[in-house]
Amino acid sequence: MNFIQKLFKRFFTSSEEEYDPMKYLIVGLGNIGAEYKNTRHNIGFLVVDALAKEFEVSFKTDQLGDVAEFKFKGRSFVLLKPSTYMNLSGKSVRFWMQKKKIPKDKILVILDDLNLPFGTQRLRGKGKDGGHNGLKDIDQVTGGNNYARLRLGIGNEYSKGQQVDFVLGEWTSGEKDGLPEILKFAGDTAKSFATIGIGHTMNQFNVKK
């Protein structure tokens, strides 16, 4: 166990009586700025935006991110859009974990995935970063990959050497048409994760949409 893991274990073990076991942190990964708003890399932002709209709450700019909160079926949801840019997402996630006293088993990170076809999603309780810089930084800063992540497929329809341009490119008109259903399904997955647990949610929501 490394120093960061020991620090987190001590923090959450000693503070168990302080945090709300019914509180969950839902993190949508993306990059801030108008130039990134409609890009594939920002699909995590779009999911938490859709959840905020569904529950009629607004994001407020705070330290290291934009935050909104709502309650659903007895659970408290904290929505987070890190303002640190994708490659430094861990700093924001760690800060809000500590500020809201939410342990890692009650965190869900939502991100884009090149290895999944557009319209497909995969929920896992932990795993490798798969080359995703946002996950890589969260792993490093929080001391491990033992947190849930929801990968949303953006496809890989790009030519050799054009990966970055594709990921940071805007949605096609056809993709835009399919986004509302994808975002709602991902939002429903996040709500299920907090209400019935990751195991049942994986069985129900790890399907192609």
Protein backbone atom coordinates (compact mmCIF):
# COMPACT_ATOMS: atom_id res chain seq x y z
CA MET A 1 0.00 0.00 0.00
CA ASN A 2 1.55 3.32 -1.07
CA PHE A 3 1.49 6.60 0.82
CA ILE A 4 -1.58 7.99 -0.97
CA GLN A 5 -3.56 4.81 -0.36
CA LYS A 6 -2.62 4.85 3.32
CA LEU A 7 -3.63 8.49 3.57
CA PHE A 8 -7.04 7.84 1.98
CA LYS A 9 -7.63 4.78 4.14
CA ARG A 10 -6.86 6.73 7.28
CA PHE A 11 -8.99 9.66 6.20
CA PHE A 12 -12.10 7.65 5.40
CA THR A 13 -11.70 5.15 8.26
CA SER A 14 -11.44 7.89 10.84
CA SER A 15 -14.30 9.88 9.30
CA GLU A 16 -16.89 7.15 8.78
CA GLU A 17 -19.23 8.74 11.30
CA GLU A 18 -19.00 12.04 9.44
CA TYR A 19 -19.97 11.12 5.91
CA ASP A 20 -23.42 10.33 4.61
CA PRO A 21 -23.59 6.72 3.37
CA MET A 22 -26.39 7.76 1.05
CA LYS A 23 -24.32 10.40 -0.77
CA TYR A 24 -22.77 9.75 -4.19
CA LEU A 25 -20.34 11.67 -6.38
CA ILE A 26 -21.10 11.47 -10.11
CA VAL A 27 -18.18 12.84 -12.12
CA GLY A 28 -18.52 13.72 -15.78
CA LEU A 29 -15.14 14.07 -17.46
CA GLY A 30 -14.42 16.71 -20.08
CA ASN A 31 -12.57 19.90 -20.87
CA ILE A 32 -13.78 23.38 -19.98
CA GLY A 33 -14.06 26.07 -22.62
CA ALA A 34 -16.38 26.82 -25.53
CA GLU A 35 -14.03 25.17 -28.02
CA TYR A 36 -14.54 21.79 -26.33
CA LYS A 37 -18.25 22.05 -25.54
CA ASN A 38 -19.58 19.92 -28.40
CA THR A 39 -16.65 17.51 -28.75
CA ARG A 40 -16.73 13.74 -28.28
CA HIS A 41 -14.23 13.98 -25.41
CA ASN A 42 -16.82 15.92 -23.40
CA ILE A 43 -19.57 13.32 -23.34
CA GLY A 44 -19.10 12.96 -19.56
CA PHE A 45 -20.02 16.63 -19.15
CA LEU A 46 -23.09 16.08 -21.32
CA VAL A 47 -24.38 13.24 -19.11
CA VAL A 48 -24.20 15.22 -15.87
CA ASP A 49 -25.67 18.24 -17.67
CA ALA A 50 -28.62 16.05 -18.67
CA LEU A 51 -29.05 14.84 -15.09
CA ALA A 52 -29.00 18.40 -13.79
CA LYS A 53 -31.63 19.36 -16.35
CA GLU A 54 -33.80 16.36 -15.44
CA PHE A 55 -33.82 17.33 -11.76
CA GLU A 56 -34.00 21.06 -12.46
CA VAL A 57 -30.80 21.99 -10.64
CA SER A 58 -28.08 24.34 -11.80
CA PHE A 59 -24.33 23.99 -11.73
CA LYS A 60 -22.41 26.49 -9.64
CA THR A 61 -18.76 27.24 -10.28
CA ASP A 62 -16.75 26.30 -7.21
CA GLN A 63 -13.21 25.26 -6.41
CA LEU A 64 -11.75 22.98 -9.10
CA GLY A 65 -15.12 22.35 -10.74
CA ASP A 66 -18.76 23.08 -11.41
CA VAL A 67 -21.09 21.35 -8.95
CA ALA A 68 -24.82 20.63 -8.74
CA GLU A 69 -26.76 18.54 -6.22
CA PHE A 70 -30.11 16.77 -6.09
CA LYS A 71 -31.88 13.99 -4.19
CA PHE A 72 -33.42 10.87 -5.69
CA LYS A 73 -34.95 7.88 -3.88
CA GLY A 74 -33.33 8.85 -0.58
CA ARG A 75 -29.89 9.32 -2.10
CA SER A 76 -27.96 12.57 -2.38
CA PHE A 77 -26.24 13.09 -5.71
CA VAL A 78 -23.30 15.46 -6.16
CA LEU A 79 -22.64 16.13 -9.85
CA LEU A 80 -19.14 17.30 -10.72
CA LYS A 81 -17.60 18.73 -13.88
CA PRO A 82 -13.89 19.21 -13.13
CA SER A 83 -12.46 22.56 -14.26
CA THR A 84 -8.89 21.26 -14.21
CA TYR A 85 -8.97 20.00 -17.82
CA MET A 86 -9.06 16.30 -18.58
CA ASN A 87 -5.42 15.44 -17.83
CA LEU A 88 -5.68 16.79 -14.27
CA SER A 89 -9.12 15.43 -13.37
CA GLY A 90 -7.79 13.66 -10.29
CA LYS A 91 -7.10 16.87 -8.43
CA SER A 92 -10.75 17.91 -8.69
CA VAL A 93 -12.10 14.45 -7.86
CA ARG A 94 -9.94 14.16 -4.75
CA PHE A 95 -10.90 17.63 -3.55
CA TRP A 96 -14.64 16.95 -3.83
CA MET A 97 -14.33 13.48 -2.31
CA GLN A 98 -12.78 15.07 0.73
CA LYS A 99 -15.03 18.15 0.82
CA LYS A 100 -18.24 16.12 0.60
CA LYS A 101 -16.77 13.16 2.55
CA ILE A 102 -17.62 10.60 -0.11
CA PRO A 103 -15.56 7.35 -0.23
CA LYS A 104 -14.40 5.79 -3.47
CA ASP A 105 -17.02 3.07 -3.50
CA LYS A 106 -19.66 5.78 -3.92
CA ILE A 107 -18.03 7.48 -6.88
CA LEU A 108 -18.97 7.02 -10.53
CA VAL A 109 -16.77 8.52 -13.25
CA ILE A 110 -18.34 8.95 -16.70
CA LEU A 111 -16.05 9.19 -19.73
CA ASP A 112 -15.65 8.66 -23.47
CA ASP A 113 -14.19 5.45 -24.90
CA LEU A 114 -12.70 4.99 -28.37
CA ASN A 115 -12.78 1.21 -28.06
CA LEU A 116 -16.57 1.01 -27.85
CA PRO A 117 -18.92 1.62 -30.77
CA PHE A 118 -21.00 4.77 -30.65
CA GLY A 119 -24.15 4.06 -28.64
CA THR A 120 -22.58 1.38 -26.44
CA GLN A 121 -21.73 1.75 -22.77
CA ARG A 122 -19.86 -0.35 -20.22
CA LEU A 123 -20.04 -0.01 -16.44
CA ARG A 124 -17.27 -1.51 -14.30
CA GLY A 125 -16.45 -1.37 -10.59
CA LYS A 126 -12.75 -0.83 -11.27
CA GLY A 127 -10.23 -1.35 -14.04
CA LYS A 128 -7.30 -0.08 -16.03
CA ASP A 129 -7.24 3.41 -17.45
CA GLY A 130 -7.16 2.08 -21.03
CA GLY A 131 -5.00 5.00 -22.11
CA HIS A 132 -7.58 7.57 -21.01
CA ASN A 133 -5.70 10.50 -19.47
CA GLY A 134 -8.59 11.47 -17.20
CA LEU A 135 -8.76 8.04 -15.58
CA LYS A 136 -4.98 7.83 -15.44
CA ASP A 137 -4.77 11.02 -13.37
CA ILE A 138 -7.63 10.01 -11.08
CA ASP A 139 -5.89 6.68 -10.42
CA GLN A 140 -2.62 8.41 -9.57
CA VAL A 141 -4.07 11.16 -7.39
CA THR A 142 -6.58 9.04 -5.45
CA GLY A 143 -4.26 6.08 -5.00
CA GLY A 144 -5.78 3.37 -7.17
CA ASN A 145 -8.39 2.35 -9.73
CA ASN A 146 -10.92 0.96 -7.25
CA TYR A 147 -13.85 3.15 -8.23
CA ALA A 148 -16.74 2.71 -10.67
CA ARG A 149 -16.48 4.04 -14.18
CA LEU A 150 -19.04 4.28 -16.97
CA ARG A 151 -17.45 4.22 -20.42
CA LEU A 152 -19.50 5.63 -23.27
CA GLY A 153 -18.53 4.58 -26.77
CA ILE A 154 -17.68 7.29 -29.27
CA GLY A 155 -16.48 4.90 -31.98
CA ASN A 156 -13.17 4.98 -33.83
CA GLU A 157 -14.06 6.20 -37.30
CA TYR A 158 -10.84 8.03 -37.97
CA SER A 159 -7.83 7.63 -40.25
CA LYS A 160 -4.38 6.67 -39.03
CA GLY A 161 -2.79 9.49 -37.05
CA GLN A 162 -6.11 11.31 -36.64
CA GLN A 163 -7.11 9.99 -33.21
CA VAL A 164 -6.68 13.29 -31.37
CA ASP A 165 -8.60 15.21 -34.03
CA PHE A 166 -11.42 12.66 -33.83
CA VAL A 167 -11.67 12.70 -30.03
CA LEU A 168 -11.56 16.49 -29.91
CA GLY A 169 -13.80 16.79 -32.95
CA GLU A 170 -17.47 17.72 -32.87
CA TRP A 171 -20.32 15.26 -33.26
CA THR A 172 -21.64 14.51 -36.71
CA SER A 173 -25.27 15.29 -37.45
CA GLY A 174 -26.11 11.59 -37.21
CA GLU A 175 -24.39 11.29 -33.83
CA LYS A 176 -26.22 14.36 -32.55
CA ASP A 177 -29.52 12.70 -33.38
CA GLY A 178 -28.60 9.71 -31.24
CA LEU A 179 -27.17 11.61 -28.29
CA PRO A 180 -30.36 12.35 -26.33
CA GLU A 181 -31.17 8.66 -25.91
CA ILE A 182 -27.55 7.83 -25.03
CA LEU A 183 -27.36 10.58 -22.42
CA LYS A 184 -30.65 9.55 -20.82
CA PHE A 185 -29.59 5.90 -20.68
CA ALA A 186 -26.27 6.88 -19.08
CA GLY A 187 -28.08 9.11 -16.59
CA ASP A 188 -30.44 6.27 -15.70
CA THR A 189 -27.37 4.08 -15.19
CA ALA A 190 -25.91 6.61 -12.75
CA LYS A 191 -29.16 6.74 -10.78
CA SER A 192 -29.32 2.95 -10.69
CA PHE A 193 -25.71 2.71 -9.51
CA ALA A 194 -26.62 4.75 -6.44
CA THR A 195 -29.97 3.11 -5.74
CA ILE A 196 -29.64 -0.63 -6.46
CA GLY A 197 -25.85 -1.07 -6.52
CA ILE A 198 -23.27 -1.70 -9.16
CA GLY A 199 -23.85 -5.44 -9.58
CA HIS A 200 -27.53 -5.21 -10.49
CA THR A 201 -26.86 -2.07 -12.53
CA MET A 202 -24.19 -3.81 -14.61
CA ASN A 203 -26.60 -6.65 -15.35
CA GLN A 204 -29.32 -4.27 -16.40
CA PHE A 205 -27.45 -1.50 -18.21
CA ASN A 206 -24.38 -3.06 -19.83
CA VAL A 207 -26.14 -3.45 -23.16
CA LYS A 208 -25.87 -1.81 -26.54
CA LYS A 209 -28.11 1.18 -27.05
